[in-house]
Every structure is written in C-alpha cells, then in structure tokens.
C-alpha cells in the first residue's frame, strides 16, 4: 500500500476511517463472542 499523506488533514481522515472500521468490527465480534460464551454455560 503506497499511501502518501501531503497534509495533516489527509492523515487524520485516513486514521479516523481505520478507527471506524476497527470499532465496527468490534461491535460485530463482541456480541457473537458473548453468545458463544453464554451458550456453553449450562446451569
């Protein structure tokens, strides 16, 4: 990936986009992981 940042604003928009992608992945992954953990718990 050959990304060249010419301004601070380009860098900030890029990092904000990556952060939103990571946060979206966590919001999808955590409920699935929680369901996996609670389904194994037998009372």
PDB file of N, CA and C in Angstrom:
ATOM      1  N   UNK A   1       0.849  -1.168   0.000  1.00  0.00           N
ATOM      2  CA  UNK A   1       0.000   0.000   0.000  1.00  0.00           C
ATOM      3  C   UNK A   1       0.892   1.227   0.000  1.00  0.00           C
ATOM      4  N   UNK A   2       0.802   1.996  -1.044  1.00  0.00           N
ATOM      5  CA  UNK A   2       1.659   3.158  -1.196  1.00  0.00           C
ATOM      6  C   UNK A   2       0.842   4.415  -0.943  1.00  0.00           C
ATOM      7  N   UNK A   3       0.655   4.752   0.334  1.00  0.00           N
ATOM      8  CA  UNK A   3      -0.138   5.912   0.703  1.00  0.00           C
ATOM      9  C   UNK A   3       0.788   7.048   1.096  1.00  0.00           C
ATOM     10  N   UNK A   4       0.613   8.177   0.426  1.00  0.00           N
ATOM     11  CA  UNK A   4       1.409   9.366   0.732  1.00  0.00           C
ATOM     12  C   UNK A   4       0.462  10.424   1.290  1.00  0.00           C
ATOM     13  N   UNK A   5       0.766  10.928   2.471  1.00  0.00           N
ATOM     14  CA  UNK A   5      -0.036  11.971   3.093  1.00  0.00           C
ATOM     15  C   UNK A   5       0.662  13.299   2.869  1.00  0.00           C
ATOM     16  N   UNK A   6      -0.034  14.216   2.212  1.00  0.00           N
ATOM     17  CA  UNK A   6       0.541  15.526   1.940  1.00  0.00           C
ATOM     18  C   UNK A   6       0.182  16.544   3.006  1.00  0.00           C
ATOM     19  N   UNK A   7      -0.940  16.322   3.683  1.00  0.00           N
ATOM     20  CA  UNK A   7      -1.357  17.268   4.714  1.00  0.00           C
ATOM     21  C   UNK A   7      -1.765  16.497   5.969  1.00  0.00           C
ATOM     22  N   UNK A   8      -1.847  17.222   7.054  1.00  0.00           N
ATOM     23  CA  UNK A   8      -2.303  16.634   8.315  1.00  0.00           C
ATOM     24  C   UNK A   8      -3.760  16.193   8.207  1.00  0.00           C
ATOM     25  N   UNK A   9      -4.560  16.946   7.450  1.00  0.00           N
ATOM     26  CA  UNK A   9      -5.967  16.584   7.301  1.00  0.00           C
ATOM     27  C   UNK A   9      -6.118  15.244   6.579  1.00  0.00           C
ATOM     28  N   UNK A  10      -5.298  14.980   5.561  1.00  0.00           N
ATOM     29  CA  UNK A  10      -5.341  13.675   4.884  1.00  0.00           C
ATOM     30  C   UNK A  10      -5.040  12.550   5.862  1.00  0.00           C
ATOM     31  N   UNK A  11      -4.043  12.757   6.697  1.00  0.00           N
ATOM     32  CA  UNK A  11      -3.660  11.740   7.675  1.00  0.00           C
ATOM     33  C   UNK A  11      -4.774  11.510   8.690  1.00  0.00           C
ATOM     34  N   UNK A  12      -5.391  12.591   9.169  1.00  0.00           N
ATOM     35  CA  UNK A  12      -6.446  12.462  10.174  1.00  0.00           C
ATOM     36  C   UNK A  12      -7.679  11.761   9.604  1.00  0.00           C
ATOM     37  N   UNK A  13      -8.052  12.062   8.362  1.00  0.00           N
ATOM     38  CA  UNK A  13      -9.209  11.404   7.748  1.00  0.00           C
ATOM     39  C   UNK A  13      -8.915   9.921   7.563  1.00  0.00           C
ATOM     40  N   UNK A  14      -7.702   9.577   7.150  1.00  0.00           N
ATOM     41  CA  UNK A  14      -7.327   8.181   6.973  1.00  0.00           C
ATOM     42  C   UNK A  14      -7.377   7.425   8.293  1.00  0.00           C
ATOM     43  N   UNK A  15      -6.795   7.989   9.343  1.00  0.00           N
ATOM     44  CA  UNK A  15      -6.780   7.295  10.629  1.00  0.00           C
ATOM     45  C   UNK A  15      -8.180   7.218  11.234  1.00  0.00           C
ATOM     46  N   UNK A  16      -9.022   8.232  11.010  1.00  0.00           N
ATOM     47  CA  UNK A  16     -10.393   8.183  11.510  1.00  0.00           C
ATOM     48  C   UNK A  16     -11.163   7.060  10.809  1.00  0.00           C
ATOM     49  N   UNK A  17     -10.958   6.900   9.517  1.00  0.00           N
ATOM     50  CA  UNK A  17     -11.621   5.826   8.781  1.00  0.00           C
ATOM     51  C   UNK A  17     -11.203   4.457   9.265  1.00  0.00           C
ATOM     52  N   UNK A  18      -9.906   4.267   9.497  1.00  0.00           N
ATOM     53  CA  UNK A  18      -9.417   2.990  10.012  1.00  0.00           C
ATOM     54  C   UNK A  18      -9.984   2.720  11.405  1.00  0.00           C
ATOM     55  N   UNK A  19     -10.069   3.769  12.227  1.00  0.00           N
ATOM     56  CA  UNK A  19     -10.624   3.610  13.576  1.00  0.00           C
ATOM     57  C   UNK A  19     -12.086   3.185  13.516  1.00  0.00           C
ATOM     58  N   UNK A  20     -12.873   3.789  12.608  1.00  0.00           N
ATOM     59  CA  UNK A  20     -14.278   3.403  12.472  1.00  0.00           C
ATOM     60  C   UNK A  20     -14.420   1.962  12.001  1.00  0.00           C
ATOM     61  N   UNK A  21     -13.546   1.519  11.120  1.00  0.00           N
ATOM     62  CA  UNK A  21     -13.589   0.127  10.659  1.00  0.00           C
ATOM     63  C   UNK A  21     -13.292  -0.825  11.817  1.00  0.00           C
ATOM     64  N   UNK A  22     -12.289  -0.501  12.629  1.00  0.00           N
ATOM     65  CA  UNK A  22     -11.938  -1.342  13.780  1.00  0.00           C
ATOM     66  C   UNK A  22     -13.083  -1.368  14.793  1.00  0.00           C
ATOM     67  N   UNK A  23     -13.669  -0.199  15.077  1.00  0.00           N
ATOM     68  CA  UNK A  23     -14.774  -0.143  16.034  1.00  0.00           C
ATOM     69  C   UNK A  23     -15.987  -0.917  15.528  1.00  0.00           C
ATOM     70  N   UNK A  24     -16.275  -0.845  14.238  1.00  0.00           N
ATOM     71  CA  UNK A  24     -17.376  -1.615  13.666  1.00  0.00           C
ATOM     72  C   UNK A  24     -17.125  -3.105  13.780  1.00  0.00           C
ATOM     73  N   UNK A  25     -15.890  -3.533  13.557  1.00  0.00           N
ATOM     74  CA  UNK A  25     -15.542  -4.941  13.707  1.00  0.00           C
ATOM     75  C   UNK A  25     -15.719  -5.414  15.137  1.00  0.00           C
ATOM     76  N   UNK A  26     -15.344  -4.573  16.081  1.00  0.00           N
ATOM     77  CA  UNK A  26     -15.515  -4.933  17.493  1.00  0.00           C
ATOM     78  C   UNK A  26     -17.000  -5.028  17.837  1.00  0.00           C
ATOM     79  N   UNK A  27     -17.822  -4.096  17.323  1.00  0.00           N
ATOM     80  CA  UNK A  27     -19.258  -4.135  17.603  1.00  0.00           C
ATOM     81  C   UNK A  27     -19.920  -5.373  17.013  1.00  0.00           C
ATOM     82  N   UNK A  28     -19.380  -5.917  15.939  1.00  0.00           N
ATOM     83  CA  UNK A  28     -19.918  -7.142  15.371  1.00  0.00           C
ATOM     84  C   UNK A  28     -19.369  -8.358  16.115  1.00  0.00           C
ATOM     85  N   UNK A  29     -18.099  -8.347  16.447  1.00  0.00           N
ATOM     86  CA  UNK A  29     -17.446  -9.512  17.028  1.00  0.00           C
ATOM     87  C   UNK A  29     -17.838  -9.750  18.481  1.00  0.00           C
ATOM     88  N   UNK A  30     -17.946  -8.702  19.279  1.00  0.00           N
ATOM     89  CA  UNK A  30     -18.196  -8.877  20.714  1.00  0.00           C
ATOM     90  C   UNK A  30     -19.539  -9.553  21.028  1.00  0.00           C
ATOM     91  N   UNK A  31     -20.668  -9.171  20.398  1.00  0.00           N
ATOM     92  CA  UNK A  31     -21.918  -9.908  20.693  1.00  0.00           C
ATOM     93  C   UNK A  31     -21.845 -11.371  20.272  1.00  0.00           C
ATOM     94  N   UNK A  32     -21.185 -11.644  19.145  1.00  0.00           N
ATOM     95  CA  UNK A  32     -21.041 -13.040  18.724  1.00  0.00           C
ATOM     96  C   UNK A  32     -20.195 -13.828  19.721  1.00  0.00           C
ATOM     97  N   UNK A  33     -19.139 -13.219  20.217  1.00  0.00           N
ATOM     98  CA  UNK A  33     -18.286 -13.871  21.211  1.00  0.00           C
ATOM     99  C   UNK A  33     -19.044 -14.071  22.521  1.00  0.00           C
ATOM    100  N   UNK A  34     -19.849 -13.069  22.911  1.00  0.00           N
ATOM    101  CA  UNK A  34     -20.638 -13.183  24.142  1.00  0.00           C
ATOM    102  C   UNK A  34     -21.650 -14.317  24.026  1.00  0.00           C
ATOM    103  N   UNK A  35     -22.308 -14.434  22.879  1.00  0.00           N
ATOM    104  CA  UNK A  35     -23.251 -15.539  22.672  1.00  0.00           C
ATOM    105  C   UNK A  35     -22.531 -16.881  22.715  1.00  0.00           C
ATOM    106  N   UNK A  36     -21.347 -16.955  22.164  1.00  0.00           N
ATOM    107  CA  UNK A  36     -20.548 -18.180  22.214  1.00  0.00           C
ATOM    108  C   UNK A  36     -20.231 -18.551  23.658  1.00  0.00           C
ATOM    109  N   UNK A  37     -19.874 -17.564  24.477  1.00  0.00           N
ATOM    110  CA  UNK A  37     -19.537 -17.849  25.880  1.00  0.00           C
ATOM    111  C   UNK A  37     -20.762 -18.260  26.678  1.00  0.00           C
ATOM    112  N   UNK A  38     -21.904 -17.594  26.477  1.00  0.00           N
ATOM    113  CA  UNK A  38     -23.072 -17.886  27.303  1.00  0.00           C
ATOM    114  C   UNK A  38     -23.788 -19.151  26.883  1.00  0.00           C
ATOM    115  N   UNK A  39     -23.672 -19.574  25.645  1.00  0.00           N
ATOM    116  CA  UNK A  39     -24.300 -20.818  25.222  1.00  0.00           C
ATOM    117  C   UNK A  39     -23.605 -22.030  25.812  1.00  0.00           C
ATOM    118  N   UNK A  40     -22.362 -21.897  26.140  1.00  0.00           N
ATOM    119  CA  UNK A  40     -21.626 -23.018  26.728  1.00  0.00           C
ATOM    120  C   UNK A  40     -21.911 -23.171  28.218  1.00  0.00           C
ATOM    121  N   UNK A  41     -22.499 -22.134  28.814  1.00  0.00           N
ATOM    122  CA  UNK A  41     -22.766 -22.148  30.254  1.00  0.00           C
ATOM    123  C   UNK A  41     -24.082 -22.880  30.521  1.00  0.00           C
ATOM    124  N   UNK A  42     -24.000 -24.078  31.075  1.00  0.00           N
ATOM    125  CA  UNK A  42     -25.190 -24.870  31.384  1.00  0.00           C
ATOM    126  C   UNK A  42     -25.449 -24.815  32.885  1.00  0.00           C
ATOM    127  N   UNK A  43     -26.656 -24.432  33.260  1.00  0.00           N
ATOM    128  CA  UNK A  43     -26.986 -24.390  34.689  1.00  0.00           C
ATOM    129  C   UNK A  43     -27.583 -25.713  35.137  1.00  0.00           C
TER     130      UNK A  43
END
